[in-house]
Amino acid sequence: MSNFAESIASEMIDPFIERSPRKDADWPGFIRTADGSEIECRIKNVSKTGARIEVSEVHFLPDTFLLKFGKNFVCRVRLAWRKGKSSGLKVEQITKLEI
């Protein structure tokens, strides 16, 4: 995952890129809400500007939250749509943490 994730992550940083094709994925991730709680999820596809995630149970998701994936990537995302356990996200900012 690392090379592909880093490639997508570097492309997601540019806020002026128009919607791009999604690439299938099946990566573990964590949703982190403003109150500090974390919800495990699977990142099912990604693009330069967004992603689709799935959770194991239906959870309330706020309009904006952090999505953590890989060893050290964190995205600030906005909920674009929701259908059952799946949600579409618009990436507003991505950061690679130094470990």
PDB file of N, CA and C in Angstrom:
ATOM      1  N   MET A   1       0.813  -1.193   0.000  1.00  0.00           N
ATOM      2  CA  MET A   1       0.000   0.000   0.000  1.00  0.00           C
ATOM      3  C   MET A   1       0.853   1.252   0.000  1.00  0.00           C
ATOM      4  N   SER A   2       2.001   1.248   0.568  1.00  0.00           N
ATOM      5  CA  SER A   2       2.730   2.482   0.838  1.00  0.00           C
ATOM      6  C   SER A   2       3.026   3.306  -0.407  1.00  0.00           C
ATOM      7  N   ASN A   3       3.570   2.715  -1.462  1.00  0.00           N
ATOM      8  CA  ASN A   3       3.877   3.514  -2.660  1.00  0.00           C
ATOM      9  C   ASN A   3       2.619   4.089  -3.290  1.00  0.00           C
ATOM     10  N   PHE A   4       1.591   3.270  -3.422  1.00  0.00           N
ATOM     11  CA  PHE A   4       0.341   3.737  -4.010  1.00  0.00           C
ATOM     12  C   PHE A   4      -0.298   4.805  -3.127  1.00  0.00           C
ATOM     13  N   ALA A   5      -0.333   4.556  -1.809  1.00  0.00           N
ATOM     14  CA  ALA A   5      -0.925   5.519  -0.877  1.00  0.00           C
ATOM     15  C   ALA A   5      -0.169   6.835  -0.914  1.00  0.00           C
ATOM     16  N   GLU A   6       1.155   6.777  -0.944  1.00  0.00           N
ATOM     17  CA  GLU A   6       1.938   8.007  -0.988  1.00  0.00           C
ATOM     18  C   GLU A   6       1.703   8.755  -2.297  1.00  0.00           C
ATOM     19  N   SER A   7       1.560   8.034  -3.394  1.00  0.00           N
ATOM     20  CA  SER A   7       1.287   8.659  -4.687  1.00  0.00           C
ATOM     21  C   SER A   7      -0.054   9.376  -4.664  1.00  0.00           C
ATOM     22  N   ILE A   8      -1.093   8.684  -4.193  1.00  0.00           N
ATOM     23  CA  ILE A   8      -2.419   9.299  -4.097  1.00  0.00           C
ATOM     24  C   ILE A   8      -2.378  10.468  -3.126  1.00  0.00           C
ATOM     25  N   ALA A   9      -1.740  10.285  -1.975  1.00  0.00           N
ATOM     26  CA  ALA A   9      -1.683  11.340  -0.972  1.00  0.00           C
ATOM     27  C   ALA A   9      -1.007  12.580  -1.518  1.00  0.00           C
ATOM     28  N   SER A  10       0.079  12.430  -2.256  1.00  0.00           N
ATOM     29  CA  SER A  10       0.769  13.596  -2.784  1.00  0.00           C
ATOM     30  C   SER A  10      -0.089  14.322  -3.807  1.00  0.00           C
ATOM     31  N   GLU A  11      -0.893  13.586  -4.559  1.00  0.00           N
ATOM     32  CA  GLU A  11      -1.770  14.215  -5.539  1.00  0.00           C
ATOM     33  C   GLU A  11      -2.964  14.883  -4.873  1.00  0.00           C
ATOM     34  N   MET A  12      -3.396  14.376  -3.696  1.00  0.00           N
ATOM     35  CA  MET A  12      -4.559  14.931  -3.005  1.00  0.00           C
ATOM     36  C   MET A  12      -4.265  16.306  -2.417  1.00  0.00           C
ATOM     37  N   ILE A  13      -3.020  16.641  -2.236  1.00  0.00           N
ATOM     38  CA  ILE A  13      -2.654  17.911  -1.606  1.00  0.00           C
ATOM     39  C   ILE A  13      -3.084  19.100  -2.455  1.00  0.00           C
ATOM     40  N   ASP A  14      -3.091  18.983  -3.767  1.00  0.00           N
ATOM     41  CA  ASP A  14      -3.444  20.090  -4.653  1.00  0.00           C
ATOM     42  C   ASP A  14      -4.949  20.330  -4.622  1.00  0.00           C
ATOM     43  N   PRO A  15      -5.408  21.449  -4.042  1.00  0.00           N
ATOM     44  CA  PRO A  15      -6.843  21.685  -3.897  1.00  0.00           C
ATOM     45  C   PRO A  15      -7.531  22.069  -5.200  1.00  0.00           C
ATOM     46  N   PHE A  16      -6.793  22.290  -6.287  1.00  0.00           N
ATOM     47  CA  PHE A  16      -7.393  22.731  -7.532  1.00  0.00           C
ATOM     48  C   PHE A  16      -7.588  21.602  -8.539  1.00  0.00           C
ATOM     49  N   ILE A  17      -7.281  20.373  -8.139  1.00  0.00           N
ATOM     50  CA  ILE A  17      -7.483  19.241  -9.028  1.00  0.00           C
ATOM     51  C   ILE A  17      -8.978  18.930  -9.093  1.00  0.00           C
ATOM     52  N   GLU A  18      -9.508  18.751 -10.300  1.00  0.00           N
ATOM     53  CA  GLU A  18     -10.914  18.402 -10.448  1.00  0.00           C
ATOM     54  C   GLU A  18     -11.112  16.935 -10.089  1.00  0.00           C
ATOM     55  N   ARG A  19     -12.387  16.542  -9.926  1.00  0.00           N
ATOM     56  CA  ARG A  19     -12.690  15.165  -9.548  1.00  0.00           C
ATOM     57  C   ARG A  19     -12.019  14.199 -10.521  1.00  0.00           C
ATOM     58  N   SER A  20     -11.403  13.200  -9.978  1.00  0.00           N
ATOM     59  CA  SER A  20     -10.649  12.258 -10.785  1.00  0.00           C
ATOM     60  C   SER A  20     -11.197  10.844 -10.587  1.00  0.00           C
ATOM     61  N   PRO A  21     -10.812   9.943 -11.458  1.00  0.00           N
ATOM     62  CA  PRO A  21     -11.290   8.561 -11.338  1.00  0.00           C
ATOM     63  C   PRO A  21     -10.866   7.937 -10.014  1.00  0.00           C
ATOM     64  N   ARG A  22     -11.710   7.094  -9.497  1.00  0.00           N
ATOM     65  CA  ARG A  22     -11.422   6.387  -8.249  1.00  0.00           C
ATOM     66  C   ARG A  22     -10.631   5.126  -8.536  1.00  0.00           C
ATOM     67  N   LYS A  23      -9.774   4.765  -7.596  1.00  0.00           N
ATOM     68  CA  LYS A  23      -9.000   3.526  -7.679  1.00  0.00           C
ATOM     69  C   LYS A  23      -9.435   2.637  -6.522  1.00  0.00           C
ATOM     70  N   ASP A  24      -9.708   1.365  -6.832  1.00  0.00           N
ATOM     71  CA  ASP A  24     -10.120   0.425  -5.794  1.00  0.00           C
ATOM     72  C   ASP A  24      -9.035   0.278  -4.741  1.00  0.00           C
ATOM     73  N   ALA A  25      -9.472   0.106  -3.510  1.00  0.00           N
ATOM     74  CA  ALA A  25      -8.567  -0.096  -2.381  1.00  0.00           C
ATOM     75  C   ALA A  25      -9.291  -0.979  -1.374  1.00  0.00           C
ATOM     76  N   ASP A  26      -8.588  -1.452  -0.415  1.00  0.00           N
ATOM     77  CA  ASP A  26      -9.176  -2.164   0.724  1.00  0.00           C
ATOM     78  C   ASP A  26      -8.219  -1.993   1.895  1.00  0.00           C
ATOM     79  N   TRP A  27      -8.110  -0.762   2.365  1.00  0.00           N
ATOM     80  CA  TRP A  27      -7.154  -0.391   3.390  1.00  0.00           C
ATOM     81  C   TRP A  27      -7.859  -0.188   4.729  1.00  0.00           C
ATOM     82  N   PRO A  28      -7.211  -0.576   5.812  1.00  0.00           N
ATOM     83  CA  PRO A  28      -7.769  -0.246   7.123  1.00  0.00           C
ATOM     84  C   PRO A  28      -7.589   1.245   7.401  1.00  0.00           C
ATOM     85  N   GLY A  29      -8.543   1.805   8.104  1.00  0.00           N
ATOM     86  CA  GLY A  29      -8.452   3.207   8.478  1.00  0.00           C
ATOM     87  C   GLY A  29      -9.207   3.466   9.765  1.00  0.00           C
ATOM     88  N   PHE A  30      -9.094   4.686  10.265  1.00  0.00           N
ATOM     89  CA  PHE A  30      -9.802   5.098  11.469  1.00  0.00           C
ATOM     90  C   PHE A  30     -10.406   6.474  11.260  1.00  0.00           C
ATOM     91  N   ILE A  31     -11.650   6.602  11.637  1.00  0.00           N
ATOM     92  CA  ILE A  31     -12.345   7.882  11.664  1.00  0.00           C
ATOM     93  C   ILE A  31     -12.108   8.456  13.056  1.00  0.00           C
ATOM     94  N   ARG A  32     -11.646   9.689  13.118  1.00  0.00           N
ATOM     95  CA  ARG A  32     -11.443  10.335  14.422  1.00  0.00           C
ATOM     96  C   ARG A  32     -12.336  11.569  14.484  1.00  0.00           C
ATOM     97  N   THR A  33     -13.240  11.585  15.451  1.00  0.00           N
ATOM     98  CA  THR A  33     -14.183  12.681  15.589  1.00  0.00           C
ATOM     99  C   THR A  33     -13.625  13.761  16.509  1.00  0.00           C
ATOM    100  N   ALA A  34     -14.294  14.888  16.553  1.00  0.00           N
ATOM    101  CA  ALA A  34     -13.829  16.031  17.347  1.00  0.00           C
ATOM    102  C   ALA A  34     -13.735  15.712  18.835  1.00  0.00           C
ATOM    103  N   ASP A  35     -14.575  14.784  19.318  1.00  0.00           N
ATOM    104  CA  ASP A  35     -14.519  14.427  20.745  1.00  0.00           C
ATOM    105  C   ASP A  35     -13.421  13.407  21.049  1.00  0.00           C
ATOM    106  N   GLY A  36     -12.645  13.015  20.026  1.00  0.00           N
ATOM    107  CA  GLY A  36     -11.522  12.108  20.226  1.00  0.00           C
ATOM    108  C   GLY A  36     -11.842  10.638  20.046  1.00  0.00           C
ATOM    109  N   SER A  37     -13.110  10.310  19.827  1.00  0.00           N
ATOM    110  CA  SER A  37     -13.430   8.892  19.632  1.00  0.00           C
ATOM    111  C   SER A  37     -12.983   8.433  18.248  1.00  0.00           C
ATOM    112  N   GLU A  38     -12.654   7.147  18.146  1.00  0.00           N
ATOM    113  CA  GLU A  38     -12.212   6.575  16.881  1.00  0.00           C
ATOM    114  C   GLU A  38     -13.128   5.434  16.479  1.00  0.00           C
ATOM    115  N   ILE A  39     -13.411   5.366  15.184  1.00  0.00           N
ATOM    116  CA  ILE A  39     -14.246   4.322  14.614  1.00  0.00           C
ATOM    117  C   ILE A  39     -13.428   3.638  13.529  1.00  0.00           C
ATOM    118  N   GLU A  40     -13.290   2.327  13.629  1.00  0.00           N
ATOM    119  CA  GLU A  40     -12.555   1.574  12.620  1.00  0.00           C
ATOM    120  C   GLU A  40     -13.354   1.560  11.320  1.00  0.00           C
ATOM    121  N   CYS A  41     -12.653   1.660  10.193  1.00  0.00           N
ATOM    122  CA  CYS A  41     -13.313   1.634   8.890  1.00  0.00           C
ATOM    123  C   CYS A  41     -12.408   0.962   7.863  1.00  0.00           C
ATOM    124  N   ARG A  42     -12.951   0.734   6.675  1.00  0.00           N
ATOM    125  CA  ARG A  42     -12.187   0.249   5.533  1.00  0.00           C
ATOM    126  C   ARG A  42     -12.289   1.302   4.447  1.00  0.00           C
ATOM    127  N   ILE A  43     -11.168   1.664   3.869  1.00  0.00           N
ATOM    128  CA  ILE A  43     -11.150   2.601   2.746  1.00  0.00           C
ATOM    129  C   ILE A  43     -11.286   1.744   1.491  1.00  0.00           C
ATOM    130  N   LYS A  44     -12.410   1.900   0.783  1.00  0.00           N
ATOM    131  CA  LYS A  44     -12.745   1.012  -0.322  1.00  0.00           C
ATOM    132  C   LYS A  44     -12.297   1.535  -1.681  1.00  0.00           C
ATOM    133  N   ASN A  45     -12.240   2.853  -1.838  1.00  0.00           N
ATOM    134  CA  ASN A  45     -11.652   3.417  -3.051  1.00  0.00           C
ATOM    135  C   ASN A  45     -11.165   4.820  -2.757  1.00  0.00           C
ATOM    136  N   VAL A  46     -10.247   5.297  -3.600  1.00  0.00           N
ATOM    137  CA  VAL A  46      -9.644   6.614  -3.400  1.00  0.00           C
ATOM    138  C   VAL A  46      -9.469   7.311  -4.737  1.00  0.00           C
ATOM    139  N   SER A  47      -9.411   8.613  -4.675  1.00  0.00           N
ATOM    140  CA  SER A  47      -9.059   9.426  -5.839  1.00  0.00           C
ATOM    141  C   SER A  47      -8.196  10.570  -5.333  1.00  0.00           C
ATOM    142  N   LYS A  48      -7.870  11.466  -6.210  1.00  0.00           N
ATOM    143  CA  LYS A  48      -7.067  12.628  -5.810  1.00  0.00           C
ATOM    144  C   LYS A  48      -7.833  13.555  -4.880  1.00  0.00           C
ATOM    145  N   THR A  49      -9.161  13.490  -4.914  1.00  0.00           N
ATOM    146  CA  THR A  49      -9.956  14.444  -4.146  1.00  0.00           C
ATOM    147  C   THR A  49     -10.928  13.816  -3.154  1.00  0.00           C
ATOM    148  N   GLY A  50     -11.019  12.497  -3.114  1.00  0.00           N
ATOM    149  CA  GLY A  50     -12.003  11.893  -2.229  1.00  0.00           C
ATOM    150  C   GLY A  50     -11.773  10.418  -2.001  1.00  0.00           C
ATOM    151  N   ALA A  51     -12.718   9.816  -1.278  1.00  0.00           N
ATOM    152  CA  ALA A  51     -12.631   8.396  -0.949  1.00  0.00           C
ATOM    153  C   ALA A  51     -14.018   7.881  -0.598  1.00  0.00           C
ATOM    154  N   ARG A  52     -14.146   6.566  -0.640  1.00  0.00           N
ATOM    155  CA  ARG A  52     -15.353   5.898  -0.128  1.00  0.00           C
ATOM    156  C   ARG A  52     -14.906   4.973   0.983  1.00  0.00           C
ATOM    157  N   ILE A  53     -15.594   5.057   2.116  1.00  0.00           N
ATOM    158  CA  ILE A  53     -15.268   4.216   3.259  1.00  0.00           C
ATOM    159  C   ILE A  53     -16.479   3.374   3.637  1.00  0.00           C
ATOM    160  N   GLU A  54     -16.203   2.290   4.360  1.00  0.00           N
ATOM    161  CA  GLU A  54     -17.257   1.458   4.925  1.00  0.00           C
ATOM    162  C   GLU A  54     -16.936   1.207   6.387  1.00  0.00           C
ATOM    163  N   VAL A  55     -17.980   1.207   7.212  1.00  0.00           N
ATOM    164  CA  VAL A  55     -17.846   0.871   8.624  1.00  0.00           C
ATOM    165  C   VAL A  55     -18.599  -0.431   8.878  1.00  0.00           C
ATOM    166  N   SER A  56     -18.250  -1.142   9.943  1.00  0.00           N
ATOM    167  CA  SER A  56     -18.884  -2.429  10.207  1.00  0.00           C
ATOM    168  C   SER A  56     -20.304  -2.281  10.745  1.00  0.00           C
ATOM    169  N   GLU A  57     -20.585  -1.168  11.392  1.00  0.00           N
ATOM    170  CA  GLU A  57     -21.915  -0.869  11.911  1.00  0.00           C
ATOM    171  C   GLU A  57     -22.284   0.555  11.512  1.00  0.00           C
ATOM    172  N   VAL A  58     -23.561   0.829  11.439  1.00  0.00           N
ATOM    173  CA  VAL A  58     -23.995   2.179  11.117  1.00  0.00           C
ATOM    174  C   VAL A  58     -23.670   3.087  12.302  1.00  0.00           C
ATOM    175  N   HIS A  59     -22.912   4.162  12.039  1.00  0.00           N
ATOM    176  CA  HIS A  59     -22.519   5.139  13.057  1.00  0.00           C
ATOM    177  C   HIS A  59     -22.955   6.515  12.585  1.00  0.00           C
ATOM    178  N   PHE A  60     -23.211   7.402  13.532  1.00  0.00           N
ATOM    179  CA  PHE A  60     -23.389   8.802  13.178  1.00  0.00           C
ATOM    180  C   PHE A  60     -22.020   9.358  12.831  1.00  0.00           C
ATOM    181  N   LEU A  61     -21.911  10.008  11.684  1.00  0.00           N
ATOM    182  CA  LEU A  61     -20.665  10.668  11.304  1.00  0.00           C
ATOM    183  C   LEU A  61     -20.910  12.159  11.195  1.00  0.00           C
ATOM    184  N   PRO A  62     -20.052  12.975  11.787  1.00  0.00           N
ATOM    185  CA  PRO A  62     -20.208  14.427  11.679  1.00  0.00           C
ATOM    186  C   PRO A  62     -19.902  14.896  10.260  1.00  0.00           C
ATOM    187  N   ASP A  63     -20.217  16.151   9.976  1.00  0.00           N
ATOM    188  CA  ASP A  63     -19.960  16.712   8.646  1.00  0.00           C
ATOM    189  C   ASP A  63     -18.483  16.708   8.287  1.00  0.00           C
ATOM    190  N   THR A  64     -17.621  16.946   9.268  1.00  0.00           N
ATOM    191  CA  THR A  64     -16.171  16.910   9.032  1.00  0.00           C
ATOM    192  C   THR A  64     -15.514  16.071  10.125  1.00  0.00           C
ATOM    193  N   PHE A  65     -14.437  15.391   9.760  1.00  0.00           N
ATOM    194  CA  PHE A  65     -13.692  14.584  10.718  1.00  0.00           C
ATOM    195  C   PHE A  65     -12.332  14.257  10.123  1.00  0.00           C
ATOM    196  N   LEU A  66     -11.488  13.578  10.906  1.00  0.00           N
ATOM    197  CA  LEU A  66     -10.178  13.141  10.438  1.00  0.00           C
ATOM    198  C   LEU A  66     -10.269  11.688  10.023  1.00  0.00           C
ATOM    199  N   LEU A  67      -9.558  11.342   8.954  1.00  0.00           N
ATOM    200  CA  LEU A  67      -9.449   9.963   8.498  1.00  0.00           C
ATOM    201  C   LEU A  67      -7.974   9.592   8.544  1.00  0.00           C
ATOM    202  N   LYS A  68      -7.645   8.593   9.358  1.00  0.00           N
ATOM    203  CA  LYS A  68      -6.260   8.139   9.493  1.00  0.00           C
ATOM    204  C   LYS A  68      -6.097   6.844   8.711  1.00  0.00           C
ATOM    205  N   PHE A  69      -4.970   6.730   7.965  1.00  0.00           N
ATOM    206  CA  PHE A  69      -4.695   5.491   7.239  1.00  0.00           C
ATOM    207  C   PHE A  69      -3.203   5.346   7.028  1.00  0.00           C
ATOM    208  N   GLY A  70      -2.795   4.134   6.677  1.00  0.00           N
ATOM    209  CA  GLY A  70      -1.375   3.872   6.523  1.00  0.00           C
ATOM    210  C   GLY A  70      -0.664   4.079   7.847  1.00  0.00           C
ATOM    211  N   LYS A  71       0.647   4.174   7.792  1.00  0.00           N
ATOM    212  CA  LYS A  71       1.416   4.383   9.020  1.00  0.00           C
ATOM    213  C   LYS A  71       1.287   5.797   9.544  1.00  0.00           C
ATOM    214  N   ASN A  72       1.156   6.779   8.621  1.00  0.00           N
ATOM    215  CA  ASN A  72       1.254   8.149   9.102  1.00  0.00           C
ATOM    216  C   ASN A  72       0.500   9.183   8.263  1.00  0.00           C
ATOM    217  N   PHE A  73      -0.596   8.780   7.644  1.00  0.00           N
ATOM    218  CA  PHE A  73      -1.388   9.742   6.876  1.00  0.00           C
ATOM    219  C   PHE A  73      -2.656  10.112   7.640  1.00  0.00           C
ATOM    220  N   VAL A  74      -2.962  11.394   7.648  1.00  0.00           N
ATOM    221  CA  VAL A  74      -4.185  11.895   8.265  1.00  0.00           C
ATOM    222  C   VAL A  74      -4.810  12.889   7.291  1.00  0.00           C
ATOM    223  N   CYS A  75      -6.098  12.696   7.013  1.00  0.00           N
ATOM    224  CA  CYS A  75      -6.835  13.610   6.134  1.00  0.00           C
ATOM    225  C   CYS A  75      -7.939  14.291   6.921  1.00  0.00           C
ATOM    226  N   ARG A  76      -8.133  15.570   6.670  1.00  0.00           N
ATOM    227  CA  ARG A  76      -9.350  16.231   7.135  1.00  0.00           C
ATOM    228  C   ARG A  76     -10.338  16.067   5.989  1.00  0.00           C
ATOM    229  N   VAL A  77     -11.498  15.482   6.275  1.00  0.00           N
ATOM    230  CA  VAL A  77     -12.468  15.171   5.225  1.00  0.00           C
ATOM    231  C   VAL A  77     -13.831  15.754   5.554  1.00  0.00           C
ATOM    232  N   ARG A  78     -14.631  15.899   4.516  1.00  0.00           N
ATOM    233  CA  ARG A  78     -16.012  16.348   4.635  1.00  0.00           C
ATOM    234  C   ARG A  78     -16.904  15.246   4.095  1.00  0.00           C
ATOM    235  N   LEU A  79     -17.953  14.919   4.823  1.00  0.00           N
ATOM    236  CA  LEU A  79     -18.911  13.904   4.401  1.00  0.00           C
ATOM    237  C   LEU A  79     -19.678  14.414   3.178  1.00  0.00           C
ATOM    238  N   ALA A  80     -19.609  13.685   2.071  1.00  0.00           N
ATOM    239  CA  ALA A  80     -20.279  14.087   0.839  1.00  0.00           C
ATOM    240  C   ALA A  80     -21.627  13.385   0.689  1.00  0.00           C
ATOM    241  N   TRP A  81     -21.681  12.112   1.067  1.00  0.00           N
ATOM    242  CA  TRP A  81     -22.919  11.343   1.004  1.00  0.00           C
ATOM    243  C   TRP A  81     -22.818  10.160   1.954  1.00  0.00           C
ATOM    244  N   ARG A  82     -23.953   9.560   2.213  1.00  0.00           N
ATOM    245  CA  ARG A  82     -23.995   8.409   3.116  1.00  0.00           C
ATOM    246  C   ARG A  82     -25.112   7.482   2.690  1.00  0.00           C
ATOM    247  N   LYS A  83     -24.825   6.182   2.660  1.00  0.00           N
ATOM    248  CA  LYS A  83     -25.839   5.173   2.357  1.00  0.00           C
ATOM    249  C   LYS A  83     -25.524   3.939   3.189  1.00  0.00           C
ATOM    250  N   GLY A  84     -26.287   3.740   4.261  1.00  0.00           N
ATOM    251  CA  GLY A  84     -26.049   2.605   5.149  1.00  0.00           C
ATOM    252  C   GLY A  84     -24.687   2.684   5.802  1.00  0.00           C
ATOM    253  N   LYS A  85     -23.859   1.651   5.562  1.00  0.00           N
ATOM    254  CA  LYS A  85     -22.534   1.584   6.166  1.00  0.00           C
ATOM    255  C   LYS A  85     -21.458   2.224   5.297  1.00  0.00           C
ATOM    256  N   SER A  86     -21.823   2.708   4.111  1.00  0.00           N
ATOM    257  CA  SER A  86     -20.871   3.345   3.194  1.00  0.00           C
ATOM    258  C   SER A  86     -21.015   4.859   3.226  1.00  0.00           C
ATOM    259  N   SER A  87     -19.895   5.546   3.049  1.00  0.00           N
ATOM    260  CA  SER A  87     -19.897   7.008   3.002  1.00  0.00           C
ATOM    261  C   SER A  87     -18.889   7.485   1.968  1.00  0.00           C
ATOM    262  N   GLY A  88     -19.251   8.558   1.280  1.00  0.00           N
ATOM    263  CA  GLY A  88     -18.340   9.215   0.360  1.00  0.00           C
ATOM    264  C   GLY A  88     -17.749  10.426   1.036  1.00  0.00           C
ATOM    265  N   LEU A  89     -16.461  10.645   0.839  1.00  0.00           N
ATOM    266  CA  LEU A  89     -15.746  11.730   1.508  1.00  0.00           C
ATOM    267  C   LEU A  89     -15.057  12.632   0.504  1.00  0.00           C
ATOM    268  N   LYS A  90     -15.035  13.910   0.790  1.00  0.00           N
ATOM    269  CA  LYS A  90     -14.255  14.884   0.030  1.00  0.00           C
ATOM    270  C   LYS A  90     -13.054  15.259   0.891  1.00  0.00           C
ATOM    271  N   VAL A  91     -11.874  15.101   0.350  1.00  0.00           N
ATOM    272  CA  VAL A  91     -10.657  15.411   1.105  1.00  0.00           C
ATOM    273  C   VAL A  91     -10.413  16.916   1.064  1.00  0.00           C
ATOM    274  N   GLU A  92     -10.305  17.518   2.243  1.00  0.00           N
ATOM    275  CA  GLU A  92     -10.027  18.947   2.336  1.00  0.00           C
ATOM    276  C   GLU A  92      -8.543  19.220   2.575  1.00  0.00           C
ATOM    277  N   GLN A  93      -7.874  18.315   3.282  1.00  0.00           N
ATOM    278  CA  GLN A  93      -6.446  18.485   3.565  1.00  0.00           C
ATOM    279  C   GLN A  93      -5.869  17.126   3.912  1.00  0.00           C
ATOM    280  N   ILE A  94      -4.637  16.892   3.487  1.00  0.00           N
ATOM    281  CA  ILE A  94      -3.948  15.654   3.854  1.00  0.00           C
ATOM    282  C   ILE A  94      -2.585  15.994   4.418  1.00  0.00           C
ATOM    283  N   THR A  95      -2.200  15.259   5.454  1.00  0.00           N
ATOM    284  CA  THR A  95      -0.935  15.481   6.125  1.00  0.00           C
ATOM    285  C   THR A  95      -0.224  14.146   6.308  1.00  0.00           C
ATOM    286  N   LYS A  96       1.068  14.153   6.084  1.00  0.00           N
ATOM    287  CA  LYS A  96       1.889  12.990   6.375  1.00  0.00           C
ATOM    288  C   LYS A  96       2.658  13.311   7.640  1.00  0.00           C
ATOM    289  N   LEU A  97       2.380  12.557   8.703  1.00  0.00           N
ATOM    290  CA  LEU A  97       3.023  12.788   9.988  1.00  0.00           C
ATOM    291  C   LEU A  97       4.427  12.206   9.981  1.00  0.00           C
ATOM    292  N   GLU A  98       5.342  12.916  10.601  1.00  0.00           N
ATOM    293  CA  GLU A  98       6.710  12.415  10.758  1.00  0.00           C
ATOM    294  C   GLU A  98       6.739  11.509  11.977  1.00  0.00           C
ATOM    295  N   ILE A  99       7.214  10.290  11.765  1.00  0.00           N
ATOM    296  CA  ILE A  99       7.264   9.321  12.880  1.00  0.00           C
ATOM    297  C   ILE A  99       8.708   9.108  13.267  1.00  0.00           C
TER     298      ILE A  99
END
